[in-house]
Amino acid sequence: MEFKMDTKDLKWWFWALNCVFILIALIGWIPAYHIVMLISAIQVIYFFSREGSLIAFPVQIRVVYFALTLLGLWPAVRFPFFILLLIGTIMVAFFGKCSIALMLKHMPWNSNREVRLN
């Protein structure tokens, strides 16, 4: 696995900011869960406006990620799910590997679609 960090890319900053705020949320600052949700919602809007379709693969990834961040609204499960989100977000931001993309590429509606993270 190769370390990748592209600080000149806005998309990288979305993931990096989410890493920071997920970590802050896990440390105990509850409003950080909402900031993660907000950053994720902005990502969905950004990629939707760029791609022009909710079924574009990069948009699908962000929609699933945003849906997972909404688990932060449920106090009983927010901590364990956000630990998993932190691990996944670190993998995307610093290694270019995305478990959501790996899962989505096997969905029937993506069988003839170009699979890409960005």
Foldseek 3Di string as FASTA:
>chain_A
DDWDADPVDPVLVLLVLLLVLLVVVLVPDLCSLVVNLVSLVVQLVVVCVVVVDCPAQLNVLSVVLSVLSCCSVPVVCNNVSSVVVNVQSCCCNTPVDHPSLVVVCPDPVNVPPDRDND
